[in-house]
Amino acid sequence: MTKKKEGSVDKEPVSTPLERVKTELLQLQGKTTDLIKFKHSKKYEALSKIHQRFLRIQLLAMKNYADVLEQRIHIW
């Protein structure tokens, strides 16, 4: 941010709610992809069964949340 005049500051362009939801969906999809890849790794296999279970639950929640965001974008 740069100063224009004393007391005023340049702000980032204001994004719309739709743009914010699209950005959130893209970020969530990236994290979901990362978790899916992790599930196929030796590090995942080394986790306790309870941690593996919670990560599977987390992945399902992430997929459901992505579905909701996609539906919101579709009806915008």
N, C-alpha and C. Protein backbone atom coordinates (compact mmCIF):
# COMPACT_ATOMS: atom_id res chain seq x y z
N MET A 1 0.84 -1.18 0.00
CA MET A 1 0.00 0.00 0.00
C MET A 1 0.89 1.25 0.00
N THR A 2 0.53 2.19 -0.82
CA THR A 2 1.30 3.43 -0.88
C THR A 2 0.43 4.58 -0.43
N LYS A 3 1.10 5.58 0.13
CA LYS A 3 0.34 6.75 0.56
C LYS A 3 0.12 7.68 -0.60
N LYS A 4 -1.08 8.20 -0.73
CA LYS A 4 -1.40 9.20 -1.74
C LYS A 4 -1.17 10.57 -1.13
N LYS A 5 -2.00 10.88 -0.21
CA LYS A 5 -1.95 12.15 0.51
C LYS A 5 -1.91 11.82 1.98
N GLU A 6 -1.62 12.79 2.75
CA GLU A 6 -1.63 12.56 4.18
C GLU A 6 -3.02 12.12 4.61
N GLY A 7 -3.08 10.97 5.29
CA GLY A 7 -4.36 10.48 5.80
C GLY A 7 -5.10 9.55 4.84
N SER A 8 -4.66 9.43 3.57
CA SER A 8 -5.33 8.51 2.66
C SER A 8 -4.31 7.46 2.19
N VAL A 9 -4.80 6.26 2.02
CA VAL A 9 -3.94 5.14 1.63
C VAL A 9 -4.58 4.43 0.45
N ASP A 10 -3.75 4.06 -0.55
CA ASP A 10 -4.26 3.25 -1.67
C ASP A 10 -4.66 1.90 -1.12
N LYS A 11 -5.78 1.40 -1.56
CA LYS A 11 -6.25 0.09 -1.14
C LYS A 11 -6.22 -0.85 -2.34
N GLU A 12 -6.15 -2.14 -2.05
CA GLU A 12 -6.25 -3.14 -3.10
C GLU A 12 -7.64 -3.03 -3.73
N PRO A 13 -7.77 -3.37 -5.01
CA PRO A 13 -9.11 -3.33 -5.62
C PRO A 13 -10.06 -4.23 -4.83
N VAL A 14 -11.24 -3.75 -4.63
CA VAL A 14 -12.23 -4.51 -3.88
C VAL A 14 -12.75 -5.64 -4.76
N SER A 15 -12.67 -6.86 -4.24
CA SER A 15 -13.18 -8.00 -5.01
C SER A 15 -14.66 -8.17 -4.68
N THR A 16 -15.35 -8.80 -5.59
CA THR A 16 -16.77 -9.06 -5.37
C THR A 16 -16.92 -10.33 -4.54
N PRO A 17 -18.07 -10.52 -3.93
CA PRO A 17 -18.30 -11.77 -3.21
C PRO A 17 -18.13 -13.00 -4.11
N LEU A 18 -18.58 -12.90 -5.34
CA LEU A 18 -18.43 -14.02 -6.27
C LEU A 18 -16.95 -14.34 -6.51
N GLU A 19 -16.14 -13.32 -6.70
CA GLU A 19 -14.70 -13.54 -6.91
C GLU A 19 -14.07 -14.20 -5.68
N ARG A 20 -14.50 -13.78 -4.51
CA ARG A 20 -13.96 -14.37 -3.27
C ARG A 20 -14.34 -15.84 -3.15
N VAL A 21 -15.58 -16.18 -3.52
CA VAL A 21 -16.02 -17.58 -3.46
C VAL A 21 -15.23 -18.41 -4.48
N LYS A 22 -15.02 -17.87 -5.68
CA LYS A 22 -14.25 -18.59 -6.70
C LYS A 22 -12.81 -18.81 -6.22
N THR A 23 -12.22 -17.80 -5.61
CA THR A 23 -10.86 -17.92 -5.08
C THR A 23 -10.81 -18.97 -3.98
N GLU A 24 -11.80 -18.94 -3.11
CA GLU A 24 -11.86 -19.92 -2.03
C GLU A 24 -11.98 -21.34 -2.59
N LEU A 25 -12.79 -21.51 -3.62
CA LEU A 25 -12.95 -22.83 -4.25
C LEU A 25 -11.64 -23.31 -4.85
N LEU A 26 -10.94 -22.42 -5.56
CA LEU A 26 -9.66 -22.81 -6.16
C LEU A 26 -8.64 -23.23 -5.09
N GLN A 27 -8.59 -22.47 -4.01
CA GLN A 27 -7.67 -22.81 -2.92
C GLN A 27 -8.05 -24.15 -2.29
N LEU A 28 -9.33 -24.35 -2.09
CA LEU A 28 -9.81 -25.60 -1.50
C LEU A 28 -9.52 -26.79 -2.41
N GLN A 29 -9.70 -26.61 -3.71
CA GLN A 29 -9.41 -27.69 -4.65
C GLN A 29 -7.92 -28.05 -4.62
N GLY A 30 -7.06 -27.06 -4.49
CA GLY A 30 -5.63 -27.32 -4.38
C GLY A 30 -5.29 -28.10 -3.13
N LYS A 31 -5.90 -27.72 -2.01
CA LYS A 31 -5.66 -28.42 -0.76
C LYS A 31 -6.23 -29.84 -0.80
N THR A 32 -7.36 -29.99 -1.46
CA THR A 32 -7.97 -31.32 -1.60
C THR A 32 -7.06 -32.23 -2.42
N THR A 33 -6.53 -31.70 -3.51
CA THR A 33 -5.61 -32.47 -4.35
C THR A 33 -4.37 -32.88 -3.55
N ASP A 34 -3.85 -31.95 -2.76
CA ASP A 34 -2.68 -32.25 -1.93
C ASP A 34 -2.97 -33.37 -0.94
N LEU A 35 -4.14 -33.33 -0.32
CA LEU A 35 -4.49 -34.35 0.66
C LEU A 35 -4.69 -35.71 -0.01
N ILE A 36 -5.28 -35.72 -1.19
CA ILE A 36 -5.45 -36.98 -1.93
C ILE A 36 -4.08 -37.58 -2.25
N LYS A 37 -3.15 -36.75 -2.70
CA LYS A 37 -1.80 -37.23 -2.98
C LYS A 37 -1.15 -37.77 -1.70
N PHE A 38 -1.33 -37.05 -0.59
CA PHE A 38 -0.74 -37.47 0.68
C PHE A 38 -1.28 -38.83 1.11
N LYS A 39 -2.56 -39.07 0.83
CA LYS A 39 -3.17 -40.35 1.22
C LYS A 39 -2.51 -41.55 0.54
N HIS A 40 -1.78 -41.30 -0.54
CA HIS A 40 -1.11 -42.38 -1.27
C HIS A 40 0.39 -42.42 -0.97
N SER A 41 0.77 -41.81 0.14
CA SER A 41 2.19 -41.74 0.47
C SER A 41 2.54 -42.66 1.65
N LYS A 42 3.81 -42.90 1.80
CA LYS A 42 4.30 -43.70 2.93
C LYS A 42 4.09 -42.96 4.25
N LYS A 43 4.16 -41.64 4.22
CA LYS A 43 3.93 -40.84 5.44
C LYS A 43 2.51 -41.07 5.97
N TYR A 44 1.56 -41.14 5.04
CA TYR A 44 0.17 -41.40 5.45
C TYR A 44 0.07 -42.78 6.06
N GLU A 45 0.68 -43.77 5.42
CA GLU A 45 0.63 -45.14 5.92
C GLU A 45 1.27 -45.26 7.30
N ALA A 46 2.21 -44.37 7.60
CA ALA A 46 2.90 -44.41 8.89
C ALA A 46 2.06 -43.80 10.02
N LEU A 47 1.01 -43.09 9.67
CA LEU A 47 0.15 -42.48 10.69
C LEU A 47 -0.66 -43.55 11.41
N SER A 48 -1.08 -43.22 12.60
CA SER A 48 -1.96 -44.14 13.33
C SER A 48 -3.29 -44.26 12.60
N LYS A 49 -4.00 -45.33 12.85
CA LYS A 49 -5.30 -45.56 12.20
C LYS A 49 -6.28 -44.43 12.50
N ILE A 50 -6.23 -43.89 13.72
CA ILE A 50 -7.17 -42.81 14.09
C ILE A 50 -6.84 -41.54 13.29
N HIS A 51 -5.55 -41.24 13.10
CA HIS A 51 -5.19 -40.08 12.30
C HIS A 51 -5.61 -40.28 10.84
N GLN A 52 -5.41 -41.49 10.32
CA GLN A 52 -5.85 -41.78 8.96
C GLN A 52 -7.36 -41.60 8.84
N ARG A 53 -8.08 -42.07 9.83
CA ARG A 53 -9.54 -41.94 9.81
C ARG A 53 -9.96 -40.48 9.79
N PHE A 54 -9.34 -39.67 10.65
CA PHE A 54 -9.69 -38.25 10.68
C PHE A 54 -9.34 -37.54 9.38
N LEU A 55 -8.25 -37.94 8.74
CA LEU A 55 -7.91 -37.34 7.45
C LEU A 55 -8.92 -37.74 6.37
N ARG A 56 -9.41 -38.97 6.43
CA ARG A 56 -10.46 -39.37 5.48
C ARG A 56 -11.74 -38.56 5.72
N ILE A 57 -12.08 -38.35 6.99
CA ILE A 57 -13.25 -37.54 7.32
C ILE A 57 -13.05 -36.11 6.84
N GLN A 58 -11.84 -35.59 7.06
CA GLN A 58 -11.53 -34.23 6.63
C GLN A 58 -11.65 -34.11 5.11
N LEU A 59 -11.14 -35.10 4.38
CA LEU A 59 -11.22 -35.07 2.92
C LEU A 59 -12.67 -35.07 2.46
N LEU A 60 -13.50 -35.87 3.08
CA LEU A 60 -14.92 -35.89 2.72
C LEU A 60 -15.56 -34.53 2.98
N ALA A 61 -15.23 -33.91 4.11
CA ALA A 61 -15.77 -32.59 4.43
C ALA A 61 -15.30 -31.56 3.40
N MET A 62 -14.04 -31.64 3.00
CA MET A 62 -13.51 -30.72 2.00
C MET A 62 -14.24 -30.87 0.67
N LYS A 63 -14.48 -32.11 0.28
CA LYS A 63 -15.21 -32.36 -0.99
C LYS A 63 -16.65 -31.84 -0.90
N ASN A 64 -17.28 -32.05 0.23
CA ASN A 64 -18.65 -31.55 0.41
C ASN A 64 -18.68 -30.02 0.37
N TYR A 65 -17.71 -29.40 1.03
CA TYR A 65 -17.62 -27.94 1.04
C TYR A 65 -17.38 -27.41 -0.37
N ALA A 66 -16.52 -28.08 -1.14
CA ALA A 66 -16.28 -27.67 -2.52
C ALA A 66 -17.57 -27.77 -3.35
N ASP A 67 -18.34 -28.83 -3.11
CA ASP A 67 -19.63 -28.97 -3.81
C ASP A 67 -20.55 -27.80 -3.50
N VAL A 68 -20.59 -27.38 -2.25
CA VAL A 68 -21.43 -26.25 -1.86
C VAL A 68 -20.96 -24.98 -2.56
N LEU A 69 -19.65 -24.74 -2.57
CA LEU A 69 -19.13 -23.55 -3.24
C LEU A 69 -19.45 -23.57 -4.72
N GLU A 70 -19.31 -24.74 -5.35
CA GLU A 70 -19.63 -24.85 -6.78
C GLU A 70 -21.11 -24.55 -7.03
N GLN A 71 -21.97 -25.04 -6.17
CA GLN A 71 -23.41 -24.77 -6.33
C GLN A 71 -23.71 -23.30 -6.15
N ARG A 72 -23.04 -22.66 -5.19
CA ARG A 72 -23.26 -21.22 -4.98
C ARG A 72 -22.82 -20.44 -6.22
N ILE A 73 -21.67 -20.81 -6.80
CA ILE A 73 -21.20 -20.13 -8.00
C ILE A 73 -22.18 -20.33 -9.15
N HIS A 74 -22.68 -21.54 -9.26
CA HIS A 74 -23.61 -21.86 -10.36
C HIS A 74 -24.89 -21.02 -10.31
N ILE A 75 -25.37 -20.75 -9.11
CA ILE A 75 -26.64 -19.98 -9.02
C ILE A 75 -26.42 -18.48 -8.94
N TRP A 76 -25.17 -18.03 -8.91
CA TRP A 76 -24.89 -16.61 -8.77
C TRP A 76 -25.48 -15.83 -9.90
